[in-house]
Amino acid sequence: MSSSKSSSKSSSMDSELQVKLEQRKVDNLYRQRHVLESAQDVQVQVDGKTCVAFCSNDYLGLASHPAVIDSLRRGAETYGVGSGASHLIYGHSYEHHALEEELAAFTGRPRALLFSTGYMANLGTIRALADKGDHVFEDRLNHASLLDGGLASGARCHRYHHADSNDLSRRMQKVTSGRKLVVTDGVFSMDGDLAPLPALVEACRQHNGWLMVDDAHGFGALGDSGGGITEHYGLGLSELPILMGTLGKGFGTFGAFVAGSDALIETLIQYARTYIYTTALPPAVASATRISLKILQRETWRREQLKNLIERFRSGVEELGLELMASTTPIQPVLLHDDELTQKVGEQLRIRGFLVGAIRPPTVPVGSARLRITLCAEHTEEQVDRLLDAMDKTLVDLRSKGG
């Protein structure tokens, strides 16, 4: 093919793609990246401007903890930067193995298995446990990785009403063949509410289902020792056989894991393609996570501080007359409903020195655009108060201008 023909086809492709991109801008749904120029912390440097960050999932402030950084450094000096291979070739290091054993003990499960990311953990686990002829039941507000896992498995997917165990039971009752895998977030990442796990456990018991929970946003923030939603509800292995967690949020590092029985973990080692066919995460990251796990359990003041800040923020938002969603977690969504207004508020808050998530469809349902405020144990009450004041002034200014 001549270069002119190749260039013409590329130009045609780009033109078609550009139409969709321009439409996204018109719909106020265009997403843009901002460049972080400092360490992950409550106060950061972004695009040359100092801001207080209220959009990080580093709920306990461990991403920049000196002991975690030191462990990462020492791990790199010992093991190098890369792991060199997949876990099943020769990339499974001592640090990986030790972390898996410690995560198993932490979760009260016989074993745990590390994955490179939460997306890969969810995709690989669901595909390993469900196939054609099986059924996957998903909460309508599940994370995209859970939904994609169900679709990729080849099983028939059923989406029950959000946090509605009765609707789940009705749907499970109609299924008479194949496995029944029930999948839910523990803490819903955009709403901040908790899955009604005791009711879901009962539905699985009645209808012979297997329950899988993605507790990415629960570990560290929930439970007396940071054990997440299972500790919050007091659920053991028999009630919740498939437990997934990520390490890049409450743990402050990177990666993910699945905890469960010996048979479950061996099944994932043998059949989870996203585990088998990818390079293991760096051993130094596993080393750092071992330290963050100890800090997470030991320093209970971090969860107490979070609780106090959540209450302060919610009280302040209510005084402003804004609409809050029902969340007792560090994820605090403030509903604005209007996509354009939400985008503008996010931009104006950044100009005033605050970073917040301006969340619009398709991440959330149409008509439910919101500011997604996330709190960290390292935030101060004064920073929370200044954010509330900035939100109030921003909304007053925009509404007075009709925007």
Protein backbone atom coordinates (compact mmCIF):
# COMPACT_ATOMS: atom_id res chain seq x y z
CA MET A 1 0.00 0.00 0.00
CA SER A 2 1.35 3.41 -0.94
CA SER A 3 2.02 5.97 1.77
CA SER A 4 -0.66 8.28 0.34
CA LYS A 5 -3.36 5.58 0.61
CA SER A 6 -2.22 4.70 4.14
CA SER A 7 -2.34 8.36 5.12
CA SER A 8 -5.81 8.72 3.64
CA LYS A 9 -7.17 5.78 5.67
CA SER A 10 -5.59 7.16 8.83
CA SER A 11 -7.10 10.56 8.14
CA SER A 12 -10.51 8.97 7.60
CA MET A 13 -10.23 7.13 10.91
CA ASP A 14 -9.15 10.26 12.77
CA SER A 15 -12.01 12.29 11.29
CA GLU A 16 -14.55 9.73 12.42
CA LEU A 17 -13.08 9.56 15.90
CA GLN A 18 -12.90 13.35 16.16
CA VAL A 19 -16.66 13.64 15.59
CA LYS A 20 -17.30 11.49 18.67
CA LEU A 21 -14.76 13.43 20.72
CA GLU A 22 -16.36 16.77 19.81
CA GLN A 23 -19.80 15.44 20.72
CA ARG A 24 -18.51 14.41 24.12
CA LYS A 25 -17.35 17.99 24.69
CA VAL A 26 -20.76 19.32 23.66
CA ASP A 27 -22.40 16.92 26.13
CA ASN A 28 -20.13 18.17 28.97
CA LEU A 29 -18.75 14.65 29.39
CA TYR A 30 -15.20 15.22 28.13
CA ARG A 31 -12.51 14.01 30.52
CA GLN A 32 -9.12 15.62 30.93
CA ARG A 33 -5.99 14.62 32.79
CA HIS A 34 -4.09 16.87 35.16
CA VAL A 35 -0.39 16.42 35.83
CA LEU A 36 0.55 15.65 39.44
CA GLU A 37 3.99 17.13 40.14
CA SER A 38 4.43 16.12 43.78
CA ALA A 39 4.08 13.13 46.06
CA GLN A 40 0.63 11.73 46.78
CA ASP A 41 -0.58 13.69 49.81
CA VAL A 42 -3.48 15.84 51.01
CA GLN A 43 -1.65 18.89 49.65
CA VAL A 44 -0.28 18.42 46.15
CA GLN A 45 1.18 20.29 43.22
CA VAL A 46 -0.98 19.89 40.08
CA ASP A 47 -0.38 21.70 36.78
CA GLY A 48 1.90 24.12 38.60
CA LYS A 49 -0.67 24.98 41.28
CA THR A 50 -0.74 23.99 44.95
CA CYS A 51 -4.06 22.37 45.85
CA VAL A 52 -5.67 20.46 48.69
CA ALA A 53 -6.72 17.09 47.25
CA PHE A 54 -10.17 15.76 48.11
CA CYS A 55 -10.23 13.21 45.29
CA SER A 56 -7.67 10.58 46.30
CA ASN A 57 -8.49 7.03 47.42
CA ASP A 58 -5.48 7.08 49.78
CA TYR A 59 -7.92 7.06 52.69
CA LEU A 60 -5.41 6.49 55.49
CA GLY A 61 -2.60 8.64 54.10
CA LEU A 62 -0.17 5.72 53.73
CA ALA A 63 1.00 6.38 50.16
CA SER A 64 3.68 8.77 51.42
CA HIS A 65 4.27 7.24 54.85
CA PRO A 66 8.06 7.28 55.56
CA ALA A 67 8.14 3.63 56.71
CA VAL A 68 6.30 2.47 53.58
CA ILE A 69 8.63 4.48 51.34
CA ASP A 70 11.67 3.09 53.16
CA SER A 71 10.43 -0.48 52.69
CA LEU A 72 9.90 0.17 48.98
CA ARG A 73 13.43 1.53 48.69
CA ARG A 74 14.98 -1.40 50.55
CA GLY A 75 12.91 -3.85 48.51
CA ALA A 76 14.19 -2.35 45.25
CA GLU A 77 17.77 -2.53 46.50
CA THR A 78 17.31 -6.21 47.32
CA TYR A 79 15.14 -7.45 44.44
CA GLY A 80 15.60 -4.82 41.72
CA VAL A 81 12.74 -2.87 40.17
CA GLY A 82 10.96 -5.39 37.95
CA SER A 83 9.87 -8.90 38.90
CA GLY A 84 11.17 -10.27 35.61
CA ALA A 85 8.42 -12.77 34.86
CA SER A 86 4.93 -13.97 35.69
CA HIS A 87 4.28 -15.64 39.04
CA LEU A 88 4.17 -19.09 37.42
CA ILE A 89 7.50 -18.73 35.59
CA TYR A 90 9.88 -17.35 38.19
CA GLY A 91 8.53 -13.92 39.14
CA HIS A 92 6.99 -15.05 42.45
CA SER A 93 9.37 -13.66 45.07
CA TYR A 94 9.68 -14.16 48.81
CA GLU A 95 8.03 -10.74 49.35
CA HIS A 96 5.03 -11.76 47.24
CA HIS A 97 4.65 -15.01 49.13
CA ALA A 98 5.01 -13.39 52.55
CA LEU A 99 2.45 -10.71 51.68
CA GLU A 100 -0.04 -13.33 50.51
CA GLU A 101 0.30 -15.20 53.82
CA GLU A 102 -0.13 -11.98 55.80
CA LEU A 103 -3.19 -10.92 53.77
CA ALA A 104 -4.73 -14.35 54.36
CA ALA A 105 -4.27 -13.97 58.11
CA PHE A 106 -5.56 -10.37 57.97
CA THR A 107 -8.76 -11.40 56.20
CA GLY A 108 -9.28 -14.57 58.24
CA ARG A 109 -9.06 -16.75 55.13
CA PRO A 110 -6.83 -19.80 54.51
CA ARG A 111 -5.07 -18.24 51.52
CA ALA A 112 -4.72 -15.10 49.41
CA LEU A 113 -3.46 -14.52 45.88
CA LEU A 114 -1.87 -11.35 44.51
CA PHE A 115 -2.95 -9.77 41.23
CA SER A 116 -1.32 -6.85 39.42
CA THR A 117 -4.45 -4.65 39.51
CA GLY A 118 -7.99 -4.75 40.87
CA TYR A 119 -9.39 -4.80 37.35
CA MET A 120 -7.34 -7.91 36.57
CA ALA A 121 -8.36 -9.57 39.83
CA ASN A 122 -12.05 -9.12 39.12
CA LEU A 123 -11.87 -10.05 35.45
CA GLY A 124 -9.72 -13.12 36.11
CA THR A 125 -11.71 -14.39 39.09
CA ILE A 126 -15.13 -14.16 37.47
CA ARG A 127 -13.89 -15.76 34.25
CA ALA A 128 -12.29 -18.58 36.23
CA LEU A 129 -15.48 -19.32 38.18
CA ALA A 130 -18.21 -18.86 35.55
CA ASP A 131 -18.61 -20.11 31.99
CA LYS A 132 -21.28 -20.74 29.39
CA GLY A 133 -24.30 -22.29 31.04
CA ASP A 134 -23.60 -20.49 34.33
CA HIS A 135 -25.20 -17.33 35.72
CA VAL A 136 -23.60 -14.19 37.13
CA PHE A 137 -25.78 -11.86 39.23
CA GLU A 138 -24.51 -8.29 39.53
CA ASP A 139 -25.66 -5.22 41.43
CA ARG A 140 -26.65 -2.55 38.90
CA LEU A 141 -24.11 -0.12 40.38
CA ASN A 142 -21.16 -2.53 40.37
CA HIS A 143 -17.74 -1.29 39.30
CA ALA A 144 -16.97 -1.58 35.58
CA SER A 145 -14.39 -4.32 36.21
CA LEU A 146 -17.04 -6.55 37.80
CA LEU A 147 -19.47 -5.95 34.96
CA ASP A 148 -16.78 -6.59 32.37
CA GLY A 149 -15.80 -9.80 34.15
CA GLY A 150 -19.35 -11.07 33.92
CA LEU A 151 -19.63 -10.20 30.23
CA ALA A 152 -16.25 -11.76 29.42
CA SER A 153 -17.07 -15.01 31.22
CA GLY A 154 -19.64 -16.15 28.66
CA ALA A 155 -22.15 -16.79 31.45
CA ARG A 156 -25.59 -15.25 31.37
CA CYS A 157 -25.53 -11.95 33.28
CA HIS A 158 -28.39 -10.73 35.47
CA ARG A 159 -28.35 -7.23 37.00
CA TYR A 160 -30.45 -6.86 40.12
CA HIS A 161 -31.69 -3.56 41.56
CA HIS A 162 -29.09 -1.73 43.62
CA ALA A 163 -28.66 -3.26 47.10
CA ASP A 164 -31.97 -5.13 46.69
CA SER A 165 -31.65 -8.66 48.07
CA ASN A 166 -35.31 -9.40 47.34
CA ASP A 167 -34.84 -8.66 43.66
CA LEU A 168 -31.71 -10.80 43.70
CA SER A 169 -33.62 -13.71 45.28
CA ARG A 170 -36.37 -13.48 42.69
CA ARG A 171 -33.88 -13.63 39.87
CA MET A 172 -31.89 -16.49 41.41
CA GLN A 173 -35.04 -18.50 42.02
CA LYS A 174 -35.80 -18.55 38.30
CA VAL A 175 -32.47 -20.19 37.46
CA THR A 176 -32.54 -24.00 37.57
CA SER A 177 -29.17 -24.98 36.08
CA GLY A 178 -25.53 -23.95 36.14
CA ARG A 179 -23.51 -22.16 38.79
CA LYS A 180 -24.90 -19.02 40.40
CA LEU A 181 -22.21 -16.43 41.12
CA VAL A 182 -23.38 -13.32 42.96
CA VAL A 183 -21.01 -10.37 42.60
CA THR A 184 -21.12 -7.01 44.39
CA ASP A 185 -19.01 -4.10 45.50
CA GLY A 186 -18.62 -3.90 49.27
CA VAL A 187 -18.49 -0.10 49.32
CA PHE A 188 -19.90 1.39 46.12
CA SER A 189 -17.24 3.66 44.69
CA MET A 190 -19.48 6.47 43.42
CA ASP A 191 -22.23 6.42 46.08
CA GLY A 192 -20.19 5.47 49.15
CA ASP A 193 -22.92 3.21 50.54
CA LEU A 194 -22.48 -0.38 51.74
CA ALA A 195 -23.79 -3.54 50.13
CA PRO A 196 -26.35 -5.30 52.40
CA LEU A 197 -24.09 -8.32 52.79
CA PRO A 198 -26.03 -10.23 55.47
CA ALA A 199 -29.10 -10.21 53.21
CA LEU A 200 -27.02 -11.23 50.19
CA VAL A 201 -25.47 -14.06 52.21
CA GLU A 202 -28.97 -15.31 53.02
CA ALA A 203 -30.04 -15.12 49.37
CA CYS A 204 -27.03 -17.20 48.37
CA ARG A 205 -27.78 -19.71 51.11
CA GLN A 206 -31.37 -20.12 49.98
CA HIS A 207 -30.58 -20.40 46.27
CA ASN A 208 -27.22 -22.19 46.30
CA GLY A 209 -25.16 -19.21 45.13
CA TRP A 210 -21.51 -18.26 45.54
CA LEU A 211 -20.91 -14.75 46.87
CA MET A 212 -18.02 -12.59 45.64
CA VAL A 213 -17.36 -9.16 47.16
CA ASP A 214 -15.03 -6.48 45.82
CA ASP A 215 -14.06 -4.56 48.96
CA ALA A 216 -11.63 -2.20 47.27
CA HIS A 217 -12.95 0.84 49.17
CA GLY A 218 -13.62 -0.92 52.48
CA PHE A 219 -10.21 -2.24 53.48
CA GLY A 220 -8.44 0.17 55.80
CA ALA A 221 -11.44 2.45 56.28
CA LEU A 222 -13.98 0.00 57.78
CA GLY A 223 -13.70 -2.31 60.79
CA ASP A 224 -11.91 -1.83 64.08
CA SER A 225 -8.64 -3.14 62.62
CA GLY A 226 -9.27 -1.99 59.04
CA GLY A 227 -10.53 -5.39 57.92
CA GLY A 228 -13.15 -3.84 55.69
CA ILE A 229 -16.75 -4.77 55.15
CA THR A 230 -16.30 -8.38 56.28
CA GLU A 231 -15.06 -7.17 59.67
CA HIS A 232 -17.82 -4.55 59.73
CA TYR A 233 -20.48 -7.26 59.32
CA GLY A 234 -18.54 -10.08 61.01
CA LEU A 235 -18.64 -12.46 58.03
CA GLY A 236 -16.45 -15.54 57.79
CA LEU A 237 -15.33 -17.77 54.94
CA SER A 238 -18.46 -19.92 54.88
CA GLU A 239 -20.67 -16.84 54.43
CA LEU A 240 -18.38 -14.94 52.06
CA PRO A 241 -16.21 -17.40 50.12
CA ILE A 242 -14.70 -14.99 47.54
CA LEU A 243 -13.19 -11.77 48.88
CA MET A 244 -11.30 -9.31 46.70
CA GLY A 245 -9.41 -6.21 47.78
CA THR A 246 -7.13 -3.63 46.21
CA LEU A 247 -3.87 -2.30 47.61
CA GLY A 248 -3.85 1.12 45.93
CA LYS A 249 -6.48 2.71 48.16
CA GLY A 250 -6.52 2.15 51.94
CA PHE A 251 -3.16 0.36 51.77
CA GLY A 252 -1.56 3.24 49.86
CA THR A 253 0.52 1.06 47.50
CA PHE A 254 -0.46 -0.88 44.36
CA GLY A 255 -1.99 -4.16 43.24
CA ALA A 256 -4.85 -6.36 44.41
CA PHE A 257 -5.62 -9.73 45.97
CA VAL A 258 -8.29 -12.38 46.28
CA ALA A 259 -8.68 -14.25 49.57
CA GLY A 260 -10.54 -17.51 50.14
CA SER A 261 -10.22 -21.25 50.51
CA ASP A 262 -7.33 -23.38 49.31
CA ALA A 263 -9.52 -24.77 46.52
CA LEU A 264 -10.47 -21.25 45.35
CA ILE A 265 -6.89 -19.98 45.25
CA GLU A 266 -5.60 -23.09 43.48
CA THR A 267 -8.41 -22.71 40.94
CA LEU A 268 -7.36 -19.11 40.26
CA ILE A 269 -3.71 -20.11 39.91
CA GLN A 270 -4.71 -22.71 37.33
CA TYR A 271 -7.47 -20.87 35.45
CA ALA A 272 -7.36 -17.08 36.02
CA ARG A 273 -5.85 -15.82 32.78
CA THR A 274 -5.15 -12.34 34.18
CA TYR A 275 -2.98 -14.00 36.84
CA ILE A 276 -1.25 -16.55 34.63
CA TYR A 277 -0.41 -14.41 31.62
CA THR A 278 1.03 -11.24 33.11
CA THR A 279 4.19 -10.08 34.85
CA ALA A 280 4.10 -10.15 38.65
CA LEU A 281 4.00 -6.76 40.35
CA PRO A 282 7.42 -5.54 41.56
CA PRO A 283 8.64 -7.32 44.72
CA ALA A 284 9.49 -3.93 46.23
CA VAL A 285 5.80 -2.98 46.07
CA ALA A 286 4.92 -6.17 47.93
CA SER A 287 7.56 -5.28 50.52
CA ALA A 288 6.09 -1.80 50.98
CA THR A 289 2.58 -3.24 51.28
CA ARG A 290 3.67 -5.55 54.10
CA ILE A 291 4.61 -2.47 56.11
CA SER A 292 1.44 -0.57 55.21
CA LEU A 293 -0.61 -3.59 56.32
CA LYS A 294 1.02 -3.42 59.77
CA ILE A 295 0.45 0.34 60.03
CA LEU A 296 -3.13 0.00 58.81
CA GLN A 297 -3.96 -2.40 61.64
CA ARG A 298 -1.91 -0.75 64.38
CA GLU A 299 -2.70 2.95 63.96
CA THR A 300 -6.41 2.93 64.73
CA TRP A 301 -6.37 6.72 65.17
CA ARG A 302 -6.47 7.03 61.39
CA ARG A 303 -9.94 5.50 61.24
CA GLU A 304 -11.08 7.62 64.18
CA GLN A 305 -9.86 10.76 62.42
CA LEU A 306 -11.68 9.70 59.26
CA LYS A 307 -14.90 9.19 61.18
CA ASN A 308 -14.66 12.67 62.73
CA LEU A 309 -13.92 14.32 59.39
CA ILE A 310 -16.82 12.51 57.69
CA GLU A 311 -19.23 13.74 60.36
CA ARG A 312 -17.87 17.29 60.12
CA PHE A 313 -18.14 17.36 56.34
CA ARG A 314 -21.67 15.96 56.27
CA SER A 315 -22.83 18.43 58.88
CA GLY A 316 -21.32 21.29 56.89
CA VAL A 317 -22.90 20.20 53.60
CA GLU A 318 -26.31 19.95 55.25
CA GLU A 319 -25.91 23.50 56.59
CA LEU A 320 -25.26 24.66 53.03
CA GLY A 321 -28.51 23.05 51.92
CA LEU A 322 -26.83 20.75 49.41
CA GLU A 323 -27.94 17.20 48.63
CA LEU A 324 -25.82 14.46 50.17
CA MET A 325 -26.02 10.75 49.42
CA ALA A 326 -26.32 8.27 52.29
CA SER A 327 -22.70 7.38 53.01
CA THR A 328 -20.79 6.80 56.23
CA THR A 329 -17.55 6.07 54.36
CA PRO A 330 -14.75 8.40 53.18
CA ILE A 331 -16.59 8.65 49.84
CA GLN A 332 -18.98 11.60 50.17
CA PRO A 333 -20.99 12.35 47.01
CA VAL A 334 -22.71 15.76 46.76
CA LEU A 335 -25.44 15.55 44.13
CA LEU A 336 -25.72 18.45 41.68
CA HIS A 337 -27.56 16.47 38.95
CA ASP A 338 -26.57 18.87 36.15
CA ASP A 339 -23.56 17.72 34.08
CA GLU A 340 -22.47 21.21 32.97
CA LEU A 341 -22.81 22.67 36.47
CA THR A 342 -20.85 19.79 37.97
CA GLN A 343 -18.03 20.27 35.48
CA LYS A 344 -17.90 24.02 36.11
CA VAL A 345 -17.92 23.61 39.89
CA GLY A 346 -15.03 21.16 39.65
CA GLU A 347 -13.05 23.60 37.51
CA GLN A 348 -13.75 26.57 39.77
CA LEU A 349 -12.83 24.65 42.90
CA ARG A 350 -9.49 23.76 41.31
CA ILE A 351 -8.88 27.44 40.61
CA ARG A 352 -9.65 28.11 44.30
CA GLY A 353 -7.11 25.44 45.30
CA PHE A 354 -9.21 22.31 45.84
CA LEU A 355 -9.23 19.12 43.80
CA VAL A 356 -12.49 17.16 43.80
CA GLY A 357 -14.00 14.55 41.52
CA ALA A 358 -16.57 16.02 39.10
CA ILE A 359 -18.38 12.79 38.22
CA ARG A 360 -20.75 12.62 35.27
CA PRO A 361 -22.27 9.91 33.04
CA PRO A 362 -21.40 7.29 31.96
CA THR A 363 -19.57 6.77 35.27
CA VAL A 364 -22.86 7.45 37.08
CA PRO A 365 -26.47 7.25 35.82
CA VAL A 366 -27.84 10.12 33.72
CA GLY A 367 -29.19 12.89 35.94
CA SER A 368 -27.00 12.01 38.94
CA ALA A 369 -23.89 14.11 38.27
CA ARG A 370 -22.07 14.84 41.49
CA LEU A 371 -19.02 16.09 43.28
CA ARG A 372 -17.26 13.02 44.65
CA ILE A 373 -15.44 14.21 47.77
CA THR A 374 -13.05 11.72 49.34
CA LEU A 375 -11.60 12.28 52.78
CA CYS A 376 -8.24 11.17 54.13
CA ALA A 377 -7.03 10.66 57.69
CA GLU A 378 -4.32 13.26 57.01
CA HIS A 379 -6.84 16.02 56.26
CA THR A 380 -7.37 18.65 58.95
CA GLU A 381 -10.66 20.08 60.14
CA GLU A 382 -9.53 23.47 58.86
CA GLN A 383 -9.04 22.04 55.34
CA VAL A 384 -12.51 20.52 55.41
CA ASP A 385 -14.01 23.83 56.53
CA ARG A 386 -12.20 25.71 53.77
CA LEU A 387 -13.50 23.23 51.18
CA LEU A 388 -17.06 23.75 52.40
CA ASP A 389 -16.64 27.51 52.18
CA ALA A 390 -15.20 27.24 48.66
CA MET A 391 -18.07 25.00 47.54
CA ASP A 392 -20.61 27.48 48.87
CA LYS A 393 -18.98 30.52 47.23
CA THR A 394 -18.48 28.68 43.93
CA LEU A 395 -22.10 27.61 43.66
CA VAL A 396 -23.36 31.07 44.63
CA ASP A 397 -21.12 32.68 41.98
CA LEU A 398 -22.11 30.25 39.22
CA ARG A 399 -25.82 30.45 39.96
CA SER A 400 -25.74 34.24 40.07
CA LYS A 401 -24.23 34.17 36.58
CA GLY A 402 -26.80 31.62 35.42
CA GLY A 403 -24.18 28.94 34.85
